[in-house]
Amino acid sequence: MELQYYPHRNADAIIAYDTYLKCRYNEFVNAMINISDDELIQDFLRRKKQHEAKGTSFKSLTPSINALLKRRMLMIPGWANEVDIFNDTTGAIANTEWRLDFACEDGFAIEVAFNHGEAIAWNLIKPVLASELNHVQKAFQTKMGIYVCATEAMKLAGNIDSASGSFEKVKRYLMPMMNQLTVPMMLIGIDAPKTFYINKKTREVVYYR
């Protein structure tokens, strides 16, 4: 996959300076970059066939992106997925509402977000909660955030819901929320595939000629 990048609070400079953060960041970015168009197509078609057999609807690339990325990240030592932000032992916090997609200790709190645009602010806040000091004990204490979402071009090519938040839209949140987004964060946008797209009406894979 091809990616676009946008730093918040000098995240790019901090990553470049810190050897540990640079290593962890490269692990994550390389896992995304190494997902090929062929892998996306094969996974999409397999899932589509399964849904057709059950008589359920299936239309976009997002489940395939999530699954292929998760598979790669679980192979890298030190990373965890579906991480609870808080290590709450009292049961007072519903952990499903306070969960990150990926995290590594003393490194990054990561959200991979393809959900409705109204959730952008909350998705941006979660890496901040994971990285700031808090009176509730953390499951992972991170230092920075990474927010991953589709570009507008990927939303079209991947037949992703038009109401989902995009890379371009998330960028517009960063300045107004500067005082709330107190930790450095890299915004990463997933670009449209170079070789194919998902037809909106037929939901079939269409190859570019």
N, C-alpha and C. Protein backbone atom coordinates (compact mmCIF):
# COMPACT_ATOMS: atom_id res chain seq x y z
N MET A 1 0.84 -1.18 0.00
CA MET A 1 0.00 0.00 0.00
C MET A 1 0.88 1.25 0.00
N GLU A 2 0.39 2.30 -0.64
CA GLU A 2 1.08 3.57 -0.64
C GLU A 2 0.42 4.50 0.38
N LEU A 3 1.26 5.31 1.05
CA LEU A 3 0.79 6.08 2.18
C LEU A 3 1.12 7.56 2.03
N GLN A 4 0.31 8.39 2.71
CA GLN A 4 0.61 9.80 2.89
C GLN A 4 0.82 10.06 4.38
N TYR A 5 1.62 11.08 4.70
CA TYR A 5 1.97 11.34 6.08
C TYR A 5 1.76 12.81 6.44
N TYR A 6 1.34 13.03 7.68
CA TYR A 6 1.21 14.40 8.17
C TYR A 6 1.53 14.41 9.67
N PRO A 7 2.56 15.19 10.09
CA PRO A 7 2.96 15.18 11.50
C PRO A 7 2.20 16.22 12.33
N HIS A 8 1.88 15.85 13.55
CA HIS A 8 1.27 16.76 14.53
C HIS A 8 2.25 16.93 15.68
N ARG A 9 2.48 18.16 16.08
CA ARG A 9 3.41 18.50 17.16
C ARG A 9 4.81 17.93 16.90
N ASN A 10 5.31 18.15 15.69
CA ASN A 10 6.68 17.78 15.31
C ASN A 10 6.97 16.28 15.48
N ALA A 11 5.96 15.46 15.25
CA ALA A 11 6.13 14.03 15.43
C ALA A 11 7.22 13.47 14.53
N ASP A 12 7.32 13.97 13.30
CA ASP A 12 8.32 13.44 12.37
C ASP A 12 9.74 13.71 12.86
N ALA A 13 9.97 14.90 13.40
CA ALA A 13 11.31 15.25 13.91
C ALA A 13 11.67 14.43 15.14
N ILE A 14 10.69 14.20 16.01
CA ILE A 14 10.93 13.41 17.22
C ILE A 14 11.26 11.97 16.86
N ILE A 15 10.53 11.41 15.92
CA ILE A 15 10.80 10.03 15.48
C ILE A 15 12.19 9.92 14.87
N ALA A 16 12.56 10.90 14.06
CA ALA A 16 13.87 10.87 13.40
C ALA A 16 15.02 10.95 14.42
N TYR A 17 14.78 11.61 15.54
CA TYR A 17 15.83 11.83 16.54
C TYR A 17 15.97 10.65 17.50
N ASP A 18 14.86 9.99 17.83
CA ASP A 18 14.84 8.93 18.83
C ASP A 18 15.00 7.56 18.16
N THR A 19 16.08 6.86 18.46
CA THR A 19 16.39 5.59 17.79
C THR A 19 15.31 4.54 18.03
N TYR A 20 14.83 4.44 19.27
CA TYR A 20 13.81 3.44 19.60
C TYR A 20 12.50 3.74 18.88
N LEU A 21 12.05 4.99 18.96
CA LEU A 21 10.80 5.36 18.30
C LEU A 21 10.90 5.19 16.79
N LYS A 22 12.04 5.52 16.23
CA LYS A 22 12.24 5.36 14.78
C LYS A 22 12.13 3.90 14.37
N CYS A 23 12.73 3.02 15.19
CA CYS A 23 12.66 1.58 14.89
C CYS A 23 11.23 1.08 14.94
N ARG A 24 10.49 1.44 15.99
CA ARG A 24 9.11 1.00 16.13
C ARG A 24 8.22 1.58 15.04
N TYR A 25 8.45 2.84 14.73
CA TYR A 25 7.66 3.50 13.67
C TYR A 25 7.89 2.80 12.33
N ASN A 26 9.14 2.50 12.01
CA ASN A 26 9.45 1.83 10.76
C ASN A 26 8.84 0.43 10.70
N GLU A 27 8.80 -0.26 11.83
CA GLU A 27 8.16 -1.58 11.87
C GLU A 27 6.70 -1.48 11.44
N PHE A 28 6.02 -0.49 11.99
CA PHE A 28 4.60 -0.34 11.67
C PHE A 28 4.39 0.11 10.23
N VAL A 29 5.12 1.11 9.81
CA VAL A 29 4.95 1.63 8.45
C VAL A 29 5.31 0.57 7.41
N ASN A 30 6.38 -0.17 7.65
CA ASN A 30 6.77 -1.21 6.71
C ASN A 30 5.71 -2.31 6.62
N ALA A 31 5.07 -2.62 7.75
CA ALA A 31 4.00 -3.62 7.73
C ALA A 31 2.87 -3.17 6.81
N MET A 32 2.59 -1.88 6.79
CA MET A 32 1.53 -1.37 5.93
C MET A 32 1.97 -1.32 4.47
N ILE A 33 3.16 -0.79 4.24
CA ILE A 33 3.66 -0.64 2.87
C ILE A 33 3.76 -2.00 2.17
N ASN A 34 4.10 -3.03 2.91
CA ASN A 34 4.32 -4.35 2.32
C ASN A 34 3.04 -5.12 2.01
N ILE A 35 1.89 -4.54 2.30
CA ILE A 35 0.63 -5.16 1.88
C ILE A 35 0.42 -4.85 0.40
N SER A 36 0.41 -5.86 -0.43
CA SER A 36 0.34 -5.67 -1.87
C SER A 36 -1.10 -5.61 -2.37
N ASP A 37 -1.27 -5.09 -3.57
CA ASP A 37 -2.59 -5.07 -4.20
C ASP A 37 -3.13 -6.49 -4.36
N ASP A 38 -2.27 -7.42 -4.72
CA ASP A 38 -2.72 -8.81 -4.91
C ASP A 38 -3.26 -9.40 -3.61
N GLU A 39 -2.59 -9.11 -2.51
CA GLU A 39 -3.07 -9.60 -1.21
C GLU A 39 -4.43 -9.01 -0.86
N LEU A 40 -4.59 -7.72 -1.13
CA LEU A 40 -5.88 -7.07 -0.86
C LEU A 40 -6.98 -7.70 -1.69
N ILE A 41 -6.69 -7.94 -2.97
CA ILE A 41 -7.69 -8.53 -3.87
C ILE A 41 -8.08 -9.92 -3.40
N GLN A 42 -7.09 -10.75 -3.12
CA GLN A 42 -7.36 -12.13 -2.72
C GLN A 42 -8.17 -12.19 -1.42
N ASP A 43 -7.80 -11.34 -0.45
CA ASP A 43 -8.52 -11.34 0.81
C ASP A 43 -9.94 -10.81 0.63
N PHE A 44 -10.09 -9.76 -0.16
CA PHE A 44 -11.42 -9.21 -0.42
C PHE A 44 -12.33 -10.24 -1.09
N LEU A 45 -11.83 -10.93 -2.11
CA LEU A 45 -12.64 -11.91 -2.83
C LEU A 45 -13.01 -13.09 -1.93
N ARG A 46 -12.09 -13.49 -1.07
CA ARG A 46 -12.38 -14.60 -0.15
C ARG A 46 -13.50 -14.21 0.82
N ARG A 47 -13.40 -13.01 1.37
CA ARG A 47 -14.43 -12.54 2.31
C ARG A 47 -15.77 -12.33 1.61
N LYS A 48 -15.71 -11.80 0.41
CA LYS A 48 -16.93 -11.56 -0.35
C LYS A 48 -17.66 -12.88 -0.63
N LYS A 49 -16.90 -13.91 -0.99
CA LYS A 49 -17.48 -15.22 -1.25
C LYS A 49 -18.13 -15.80 0.01
N GLN A 50 -17.48 -15.63 1.15
CA GLN A 50 -18.02 -16.12 2.41
C GLN A 50 -19.35 -15.42 2.75
N HIS A 51 -19.40 -14.11 2.52
CA HIS A 51 -20.62 -13.37 2.81
C HIS A 51 -21.74 -13.75 1.84
N GLU A 52 -21.39 -13.95 0.58
CA GLU A 52 -22.40 -14.37 -0.40
C GLU A 52 -23.00 -15.71 -0.02
N ALA A 53 -22.18 -16.62 0.50
CA ALA A 53 -22.68 -17.93 0.92
C ALA A 53 -23.65 -17.82 2.09
N LYS A 54 -23.46 -16.79 2.92
CA LYS A 54 -24.34 -16.58 4.07
C LYS A 54 -25.50 -15.64 3.75
N GLY A 55 -25.47 -15.06 2.55
CA GLY A 55 -26.51 -14.12 2.16
C GLY A 55 -26.39 -12.77 2.81
N THR A 56 -25.17 -12.39 3.24
CA THR A 56 -24.94 -11.10 3.87
C THR A 56 -24.16 -10.18 2.94
N SER A 57 -24.24 -8.89 3.22
CA SER A 57 -23.63 -7.87 2.37
C SER A 57 -22.15 -7.70 2.69
N PHE A 58 -21.36 -7.46 1.68
CA PHE A 58 -19.93 -7.20 1.84
C PHE A 58 -19.48 -6.31 0.70
N LYS A 59 -18.84 -5.17 1.02
CA LYS A 59 -18.59 -4.23 -0.06
C LYS A 59 -17.21 -3.58 -0.10
N SER A 60 -16.50 -3.44 1.03
CA SER A 60 -15.33 -2.57 1.03
C SER A 60 -14.04 -3.32 1.37
N LEU A 61 -12.92 -2.62 1.18
CA LEU A 61 -11.61 -3.18 1.44
C LEU A 61 -11.20 -3.10 2.91
N THR A 62 -11.97 -2.40 3.73
CA THR A 62 -11.49 -2.16 5.10
C THR A 62 -11.28 -3.43 5.93
N PRO A 63 -12.16 -4.45 5.86
CA PRO A 63 -11.86 -5.66 6.63
C PRO A 63 -10.56 -6.34 6.18
N SER A 64 -10.28 -6.27 4.89
CA SER A 64 -9.05 -6.87 4.38
C SER A 64 -7.82 -6.11 4.85
N ILE A 65 -7.89 -4.79 4.83
CA ILE A 65 -6.77 -3.97 5.31
C ILE A 65 -6.52 -4.27 6.78
N ASN A 66 -7.57 -4.28 7.58
CA ASN A 66 -7.42 -4.54 9.01
C ASN A 66 -6.82 -5.92 9.27
N ALA A 67 -7.32 -6.93 8.57
CA ALA A 67 -6.86 -8.30 8.81
C ALA A 67 -5.41 -8.49 8.38
N LEU A 68 -5.05 -7.97 7.22
CA LEU A 68 -3.69 -8.14 6.72
C LEU A 68 -2.68 -7.38 7.58
N LEU A 69 -3.08 -6.20 8.05
CA LEU A 69 -2.18 -5.43 8.91
C LEU A 69 -2.02 -6.13 10.27
N LYS A 70 -3.12 -6.61 10.82
CA LYS A 70 -3.05 -7.31 12.11
C LYS A 70 -2.14 -8.54 12.01
N ARG A 71 -2.28 -9.28 10.93
CA ARG A 71 -1.46 -10.48 10.75
C ARG A 71 0.03 -10.14 10.78
N ARG A 72 0.39 -9.06 10.12
CA ARG A 72 1.80 -8.66 10.09
C ARG A 72 2.28 -8.15 11.45
N MET A 73 1.45 -7.34 12.10
CA MET A 73 1.88 -6.74 13.36
C MET A 73 2.05 -7.78 14.46
N LEU A 74 1.24 -8.82 14.46
CA LEU A 74 1.35 -9.85 15.49
C LEU A 74 2.62 -10.68 15.34
N MET A 75 3.28 -10.57 14.20
CA MET A 75 4.53 -11.29 13.98
C MET A 75 5.74 -10.51 14.49
N ILE A 76 5.54 -9.25 14.88
CA ILE A 76 6.65 -8.40 15.31
C ILE A 76 6.70 -8.38 16.83
N PRO A 77 7.79 -8.84 17.45
CA PRO A 77 7.89 -8.85 18.91
C PRO A 77 7.71 -7.45 19.51
N GLY A 78 7.00 -7.39 20.61
CA GLY A 78 6.83 -6.13 21.32
C GLY A 78 5.56 -5.38 21.01
N TRP A 79 4.84 -5.81 19.97
CA TRP A 79 3.58 -5.15 19.61
C TRP A 79 2.40 -5.98 20.10
N ALA A 80 1.35 -5.29 20.50
CA ALA A 80 0.11 -5.95 20.89
C ALA A 80 -1.05 -5.29 20.16
N ASN A 81 -2.12 -6.05 19.93
CA ASN A 81 -3.29 -5.47 19.26
C ASN A 81 -4.51 -5.54 20.18
N GLU A 82 -5.50 -4.70 19.86
CA GLU A 82 -6.71 -4.57 20.68
C GLU A 82 -6.33 -4.39 22.14
N VAL A 83 -5.57 -3.34 22.38
CA VAL A 83 -4.97 -3.07 23.68
C VAL A 83 -5.89 -2.17 24.51
N ASP A 84 -6.18 -2.57 25.73
CA ASP A 84 -6.90 -1.70 26.66
C ASP A 84 -5.99 -0.54 27.06
N ILE A 85 -6.50 0.67 26.98
CA ILE A 85 -5.71 1.84 27.38
C ILE A 85 -5.40 1.77 28.87
N PHE A 86 -6.42 1.46 29.67
CA PHE A 86 -6.26 1.46 31.11
C PHE A 86 -6.26 0.03 31.66
N ASN A 87 -5.39 -0.21 32.61
CA ASN A 87 -5.31 -1.51 33.28
C ASN A 87 -6.21 -1.45 34.51
N ASP A 88 -7.50 -1.39 34.28
CA ASP A 88 -8.47 -1.19 35.36
C ASP A 88 -8.79 -2.52 36.03
N THR A 89 -8.56 -2.59 37.31
CA THR A 89 -8.84 -3.82 38.06
C THR A 89 -10.14 -3.73 38.86
N THR A 90 -10.80 -2.58 38.81
CA THR A 90 -12.02 -2.38 39.59
C THR A 90 -13.27 -2.75 38.82
N GLY A 91 -13.17 -2.83 37.51
CA GLY A 91 -14.34 -3.10 36.68
C GLY A 91 -15.18 -1.87 36.43
N ALA A 92 -14.69 -0.69 36.86
CA ALA A 92 -15.45 0.55 36.69
C ALA A 92 -15.40 1.07 35.26
N ILE A 93 -14.37 0.66 34.51
CA ILE A 93 -14.19 1.13 33.14
C ILE A 93 -14.52 0.01 32.17
N ALA A 94 -15.40 0.30 31.22
CA ALA A 94 -15.71 -0.68 30.17
C ALA A 94 -14.59 -0.62 29.14
N ASN A 95 -13.72 -1.63 29.15
CA ASN A 95 -12.50 -1.55 28.34
C ASN A 95 -12.75 -1.50 26.85
N THR A 96 -13.87 -2.02 26.39
CA THR A 96 -14.12 -1.97 24.94
C THR A 96 -14.25 -0.54 24.44
N GLU A 97 -14.59 0.38 25.32
CA GLU A 97 -14.70 1.78 24.94
C GLU A 97 -13.37 2.52 25.03
N TRP A 98 -12.36 1.88 25.61
CA TRP A 98 -11.06 2.51 25.86
C TRP A 98 -9.96 1.60 25.31
N ARG A 99 -10.04 1.32 24.04
CA ARG A 99 -9.15 0.33 23.45
C ARG A 99 -8.45 0.89 22.22
N LEU A 100 -7.18 0.49 22.07
CA LEU A 100 -6.37 0.87 20.92
C LEU A 100 -6.25 -0.31 19.96
N ASP A 101 -6.01 -0.01 18.69
CA ASP A 101 -5.82 -1.10 17.73
C ASP A 101 -4.46 -1.76 17.91
N PHE A 102 -3.41 -0.95 18.14
CA PHE A 102 -2.06 -1.49 18.37
C PHE A 102 -1.34 -0.60 19.36
N ALA A 103 -0.38 -1.19 20.07
CA ALA A 103 0.46 -0.40 20.98
C ALA A 103 1.74 -1.15 21.26
N CYS A 104 2.79 -0.40 21.60
CA CYS A 104 4.04 -0.98 22.09
C CYS A 104 4.51 -0.14 23.27
N GLU A 105 5.06 -0.78 24.28
CA GLU A 105 5.48 -0.11 25.51
C GLU A 105 6.53 0.94 25.21
N ASP A 106 6.36 2.14 25.79
CA ASP A 106 7.27 3.28 25.62
C ASP A 106 7.37 3.71 24.15
N GLY A 107 6.38 3.34 23.36
CA GLY A 107 6.41 3.68 21.95
C GLY A 107 5.13 4.34 21.49
N PHE A 108 4.36 3.63 20.67
CA PHE A 108 3.22 4.22 19.97
C PHE A 108 1.89 3.63 20.40
N ALA A 109 0.90 4.49 20.46
CA ALA A 109 -0.50 4.10 20.57
C ALA A 109 -1.14 4.36 19.21
N ILE A 110 -1.75 3.33 18.62
CA ILE A 110 -2.18 3.41 17.23
C ILE A 110 -3.67 3.16 17.09
N GLU A 111 -4.32 4.04 16.33
CA GLU A 111 -5.70 3.86 15.94
C GLU A 111 -5.76 3.72 14.41
N VAL A 112 -6.40 2.65 13.95
CA VAL A 112 -6.67 2.46 12.52
C VAL A 112 -8.18 2.64 12.36
N ALA A 113 -8.59 3.76 11.79
CA ALA A 113 -9.99 4.17 11.86
C ALA A 113 -10.62 4.30 10.48
N PHE A 114 -11.63 3.47 10.24
CA PHE A 114 -12.43 3.57 9.02
C PHE A 114 -13.89 3.85 9.36
N ASN A 115 -14.15 4.23 10.60
CA ASN A 115 -15.54 4.41 11.02
C ASN A 115 -16.04 5.82 10.70
N HIS A 116 -17.24 6.13 11.16
CA HIS A 116 -17.93 7.37 10.79
C HIS A 116 -17.10 8.59 11.17
N GLY A 117 -17.21 9.63 10.35
CA GLY A 117 -16.46 10.85 10.58
C GLY A 117 -16.73 11.49 11.93
N GLU A 118 -17.90 11.24 12.50
CA GLU A 118 -18.22 11.81 13.81
C GLU A 118 -17.32 11.26 14.91
N ALA A 119 -16.65 10.13 14.65
CA ALA A 119 -15.78 9.52 15.66
C ALA A 119 -14.35 10.03 15.59
N ILE A 120 -14.05 10.93 14.67
CA ILE A 120 -12.67 11.39 14.50
C ILE A 120 -12.09 11.96 15.79
N ALA A 121 -12.80 12.86 16.43
CA ALA A 121 -12.28 13.51 17.64
C ALA A 121 -11.96 12.48 18.72
N TRP A 122 -12.87 11.52 18.93
CA TRP A 122 -12.65 10.49 19.94
C TRP A 122 -11.47 9.60 19.57
N ASN A 123 -11.37 9.23 18.30
CA ASN A 123 -10.24 8.40 17.87
C ASN A 123 -8.91 9.12 18.03
N LEU A 124 -8.91 10.43 17.87
CA LEU A 124 -7.68 11.21 18.07
C LEU A 124 -7.32 11.30 19.55
N ILE A 125 -8.31 11.36 20.41
CA ILE A 125 -8.07 11.50 21.83
C ILE A 125 -7.49 10.23 22.45
N LYS A 126 -7.87 9.07 21.94
CA LYS A 126 -7.44 7.81 22.57
C LYS A 126 -5.91 7.66 22.63
N PRO A 127 -5.15 7.94 21.56
CA PRO A 127 -3.69 7.88 21.70
C PRO A 127 -3.15 8.89 22.70
N VAL A 128 -3.83 10.02 22.85
CA VAL A 128 -3.41 11.02 23.84
C VAL A 128 -3.58 10.45 25.25
N LEU A 129 -4.71 9.82 25.52
CA LEU A 129 -4.95 9.21 26.83
C LEU A 129 -3.91 8.14 27.13
N ALA A 130 -3.53 7.39 26.12
CA ALA A 130 -2.55 6.32 26.32
C ALA A 130 -1.15 6.85 26.57
N SER A 131 -0.86 8.04 26.06
CA SER A 131 0.50 8.57 26.13
C SER A 131 0.72 9.57 27.26
N GLU A 132 -0.35 10.23 27.70
CA GLU A 132 -0.22 11.15 28.82
C GLU A 132 -0.24 10.40 30.14
N LEU A 133 0.29 11.05 31.18
CA LEU A 133 0.16 10.50 32.53
C LEU A 133 -1.30 10.58 32.94
N ASN A 134 -1.76 9.58 33.69
CA ASN A 134 -3.16 9.52 34.08
C ASN A 134 -3.27 8.89 35.46
N HIS A 135 -4.30 9.27 36.21
CA HIS A 135 -4.46 8.71 37.55
C HIS A 135 -4.96 7.27 37.52
N VAL A 136 -5.38 6.80 36.35
CA VAL A 136 -5.75 5.39 36.18
C VAL A 136 -4.55 4.66 35.58
N GLN A 137 -4.19 3.52 36.15
CA GLN A 137 -3.03 2.77 35.68
C GLN A 137 -3.20 2.35 34.22
N LYS A 138 -2.12 2.43 33.45
CA LYS A 138 -2.15 2.08 32.03
C LYS A 138 -1.82 0.60 31.83
N ALA A 139 -2.38 0.03 30.78
CA ALA A 139 -1.95 -1.29 30.35
C ALA A 139 -0.63 -1.17 29.60
N PHE A 140 -0.51 -0.13 28.75
CA PHE A 140 0.73 0.21 28.06
C PHE A 140 0.95 1.71 28.24
N GLN A 141 2.15 2.11 28.64
CA GLN A 141 2.47 3.53 28.70
C GLN A 141 3.20 3.90 27.41
N THR A 142 2.54 4.66 26.56
CA THR A 142 3.11 5.03 25.27
C THR A 142 3.59 6.48 25.30
N LYS A 143 4.26 6.89 24.24
CA LYS A 143 4.81 8.25 24.17
C LYS A 143 4.21 9.09 23.04
N MET A 144 3.76 8.41 21.98
CA MET A 144 3.28 9.12 20.81
C MET A 144 2.09 8.37 20.22
N GLY A 145 1.39 9.04 19.32
CA GLY A 145 0.26 8.42 18.65
C GLY A 145 0.47 8.28 17.15
N ILE A 146 -0.23 7.33 16.57
CA ILE A 146 -0.34 7.19 15.11
C ILE A 146 -1.81 7.00 14.79
N TYR A 147 -2.30 7.77 13.86
CA TYR A 147 -3.71 7.69 13.44
C TYR A 147 -3.71 7.33 11.96
N VAL A 148 -4.33 6.20 11.62
CA VAL A 148 -4.36 5.70 10.25
C VAL A 148 -5.79 5.73 9.73
N CYS A 149 -5.96 6.24 8.53
CA CYS A 149 -7.29 6.26 7.90
C CYS A 149 -7.12 6.29 6.38
N ALA A 150 -8.21 6.19 5.68
CA ALA A 150 -8.17 6.21 4.21
C ALA A 150 -8.16 7.64 3.69
N THR A 151 -7.47 7.85 2.57
CA THR A 151 -7.60 9.12 1.86
C THR A 151 -8.94 9.13 1.14
N GLU A 152 -9.33 10.30 0.65
CA GLU A 152 -10.56 10.39 -0.13
C GLU A 152 -10.49 9.50 -1.36
N ALA A 153 -9.31 9.42 -1.96
CA ALA A 153 -9.14 8.56 -3.14
C ALA A 153 -9.33 7.09 -2.78
N MET A 154 -8.81 6.69 -1.61
CA MET A 154 -8.97 5.30 -1.18
C MET A 154 -10.43 5.00 -0.83
N LYS A 155 -11.14 5.97 -0.26
CA LYS A 155 -12.55 5.75 0.04
C LYS A 155 -13.32 5.42 -1.23
N LEU A 156 -13.01 6.11 -2.32
CA LEU A 156 -13.69 5.84 -3.59
C LEU A 156 -13.26 4.50 -4.18
N ALA A 157 -11.95 4.27 -4.24
CA ALA A 157 -11.44 3.05 -4.87
C ALA A 157 -11.76 1.81 -4.06
N GLY A 158 -11.79 1.94 -2.72
CA GLY A 158 -12.03 0.79 -1.86
C GLY A 158 -13.48 0.60 -1.51
N ASN A 159 -14.38 1.41 -2.11
CA ASN A 159 -15.82 1.36 -1.84
C ASN A 159 -16.10 1.47 -0.34
N ILE A 160 -15.38 2.39 0.31
CA ILE A 160 -15.54 2.63 1.73
C ILE A 160 -16.67 3.64 1.93
N ASP A 161 -17.45 3.46 2.97
CA ASP A 161 -18.60 4.33 3.24
C ASP A 161 -18.22 5.80 3.13
N SER A 162 -19.00 6.55 2.40
CA SER A 162 -18.71 7.96 2.17
C SER A 162 -18.74 8.78 3.46
N ALA A 163 -19.42 8.28 4.49
CA ALA A 163 -19.51 9.02 5.76
C ALA A 163 -18.30 8.78 6.67
N SER A 164 -17.41 7.88 6.28
CA SER A 164 -16.26 7.59 7.12
C SER A 164 -15.27 8.75 7.08
N GLY A 165 -14.51 8.90 8.14
CA GLY A 165 -13.51 9.96 8.20
C GLY A 165 -12.37 9.69 7.23
N SER A 166 -11.83 10.74 6.66
CA SER A 166 -10.74 10.61 5.69
C SER A 166 -9.48 11.33 6.20
N PHE A 167 -8.35 10.99 5.61
CA PHE A 167 -7.07 11.64 5.90
C PHE A 167 -7.19 13.15 5.78
N GLU A 168 -7.81 13.60 4.70
CA GLU A 168 -7.95 15.03 4.47
C GLU A 168 -8.81 15.70 5.55
N LYS A 169 -9.85 15.01 5.99
CA LYS A 169 -10.74 15.58 7.01
C LYS A 169 -10.08 15.58 8.38
N VAL A 170 -9.37 14.50 8.71
CA VAL A 170 -8.71 14.42 10.01
C VAL A 170 -7.67 15.53 10.14
N LYS A 171 -6.97 15.84 9.08
CA LYS A 171 -5.99 16.93 9.12
C LYS A 171 -6.62 18.23 9.60
N ARG A 172 -7.87 18.46 9.22
CA ARG A 172 -8.54 19.71 9.59
C ARG A 172 -8.90 19.76 11.08
N TYR A 173 -8.86 18.62 11.76
CA TYR A 173 -9.14 18.57 13.19
C TYR A 173 -7.93 18.96 14.04
N LEU A 174 -6.75 18.81 13.49
CA LEU A 174 -5.54 18.91 14.31
C LEU A 174 -5.30 20.30 14.87
N MET A 175 -5.47 21.33 14.07
CA MET A 175 -5.22 22.69 14.56
C MET A 175 -6.27 23.12 15.59
N PRO A 176 -7.58 22.97 15.33
CA PRO A 176 -8.56 23.36 16.36
C PRO A 176 -8.41 22.58 17.66
N MET A 177 -7.92 21.34 17.58
CA MET A 177 -7.78 20.51 18.77
C MET A 177 -6.36 20.49 19.31
N MET A 178 -5.57 21.48 18.94
CA MET A 178 -4.17 21.51 19.36
C MET A 178 -4.02 21.40 20.88
N ASN A 179 -4.84 22.11 21.63
CA ASN A 179 -4.71 22.09 23.08
C ASN A 179 -5.17 20.77 23.69
N GLN A 180 -6.01 20.03 22.98
CA GLN A 180 -6.46 18.74 23.47
C GLN A 180 -5.52 17.61 23.04
N LEU A 181 -4.95 17.74 21.85
CA LEU A 181 -4.05 16.71 21.32
C LEU A 181 -2.63 17.07 21.72
N THR A 182 -2.31 16.78 22.98
CA THR A 182 -1.09 17.29 23.59
C THR A 182 0.16 16.46 23.30
N VAL A 183 -0.01 15.29 22.72
CA VAL A 183 1.16 14.44 22.43
C VAL A 183 1.44 14.46 20.93
N PRO A 184 2.69 14.26 20.54
CA PRO A 184 3.01 14.18 19.11
C PRO A 184 2.28 13.01 18.47
N MET A 185 1.88 13.17 17.21
CA MET A 185 1.12 12.14 16.52
C MET A 185 1.41 12.20 15.02
N MET A 186 1.54 11.04 14.42
CA MET A 186 1.66 10.96 12.96
C MET A 186 0.32 10.54 12.38
N LEU A 187 -0.18 11.34 11.46
CA LEU A 187 -1.38 10.99 10.72
C LEU A 187 -0.95 10.31 9.42
N ILE A 188 -1.47 9.11 9.18
CA ILE A 188 -1.10 8.34 7.98
C ILE A 188 -2.35 8.06 7.16
N GLY A 189 -2.30 8.45 5.90
CA GLY A 189 -3.42 8.20 4.99
C GLY A 189 -3.10 7.08 4.02
N ILE A 190 -4.01 6.14 3.87
CA ILE A 190 -3.83 5.03 2.93
C ILE A 190 -4.34 5.45 1.57
N ASP A 191 -3.45 5.45 0.58
CA ASP A 191 -3.82 5.85 -0.77
C ASP A 191 -4.54 4.74 -1.52
N ALA A 192 -5.21 5.12 -2.59
CA ALA A 192 -5.93 4.15 -3.42
C ALA A 192 -4.96 3.17 -4.07
N PRO A 193 -5.38 1.93 -4.27
CA PRO A 193 -4.52 0.96 -4.97
C PRO A 193 -4.20 1.45 -6.39
N LYS A 194 -3.05 1.07 -6.87
CA LYS A 194 -2.61 1.49 -8.21
C LYS A 194 -3.17 0.61 -9.32
N THR A 195 -3.58 -0.63 -8.99
CA THR A 195 -3.91 -1.58 -10.05
C THR A 195 -5.40 -1.92 -10.14
N PHE A 196 -6.21 -1.52 -9.16
CA PHE A 196 -7.62 -1.94 -9.18
C PHE A 196 -8.47 -1.02 -8.32
N TYR A 197 -9.79 -1.18 -8.44
CA TYR A 197 -10.74 -0.55 -7.53
C TYR A 197 -11.95 -1.46 -7.38
N ILE A 198 -12.79 -1.18 -6.38
CA ILE A 198 -14.01 -1.94 -6.16
C ILE A 198 -15.18 -1.17 -6.76
N ASN A 199 -15.86 -1.78 -7.72
CA ASN A 199 -17.00 -1.13 -8.34
C ASN A 199 -18.11 -0.91 -7.32
N LYS A 200 -18.60 0.32 -7.22
CA LYS A 200 -19.58 0.66 -6.18
C LYS A 200 -20.90 -0.09 -6.36
N LYS A 201 -21.33 -0.29 -7.60
CA LYS A 201 -22.62 -0.94 -7.86
C LYS A 201 -22.52 -2.45 -7.80
N THR A 202 -21.55 -3.01 -8.51
CA THR A 202 -21.44 -4.46 -8.58
C THR A 202 -20.64 -5.06 -7.44
N ARG A 203 -19.81 -4.24 -6.78
CA ARG A 203 -18.91 -4.68 -5.71
C ARG A 203 -17.93 -5.74 -6.20
N GLU A 204 -17.56 -5.62 -7.45
CA GLU A 204 -16.58 -6.52 -8.06
C GLU A 204 -15.24 -5.79 -8.17
N VAL A 205 -14.17 -6.58 -8.22
CA VAL A 205 -12.83 -6.02 -8.44
C VAL A 205 -12.69 -5.66 -9.90
N VAL A 206 -12.28 -4.41 -10.16
CA VAL A 206 -12.06 -3.94 -11.52
C VAL A 206 -10.59 -3.54 -11.65
N TYR A 207 -9.91 -4.11 -12.62
CA TYR A 207 -8.50 -3.83 -12.82
C TYR A 207 -8.32 -2.65 -13.79
N TYR A 208 -7.37 -1.78 -13.47
CA TYR A 208 -7.03 -0.68 -14.39
C TYR A 208 -6.24 -1.25 -15.57
N ARG A 209 -6.51 -0.71 -16.74
CA ARG A 209 -5.79 -1.18 -17.91
C ARG A 209 -4.68 -0.22 -18.28
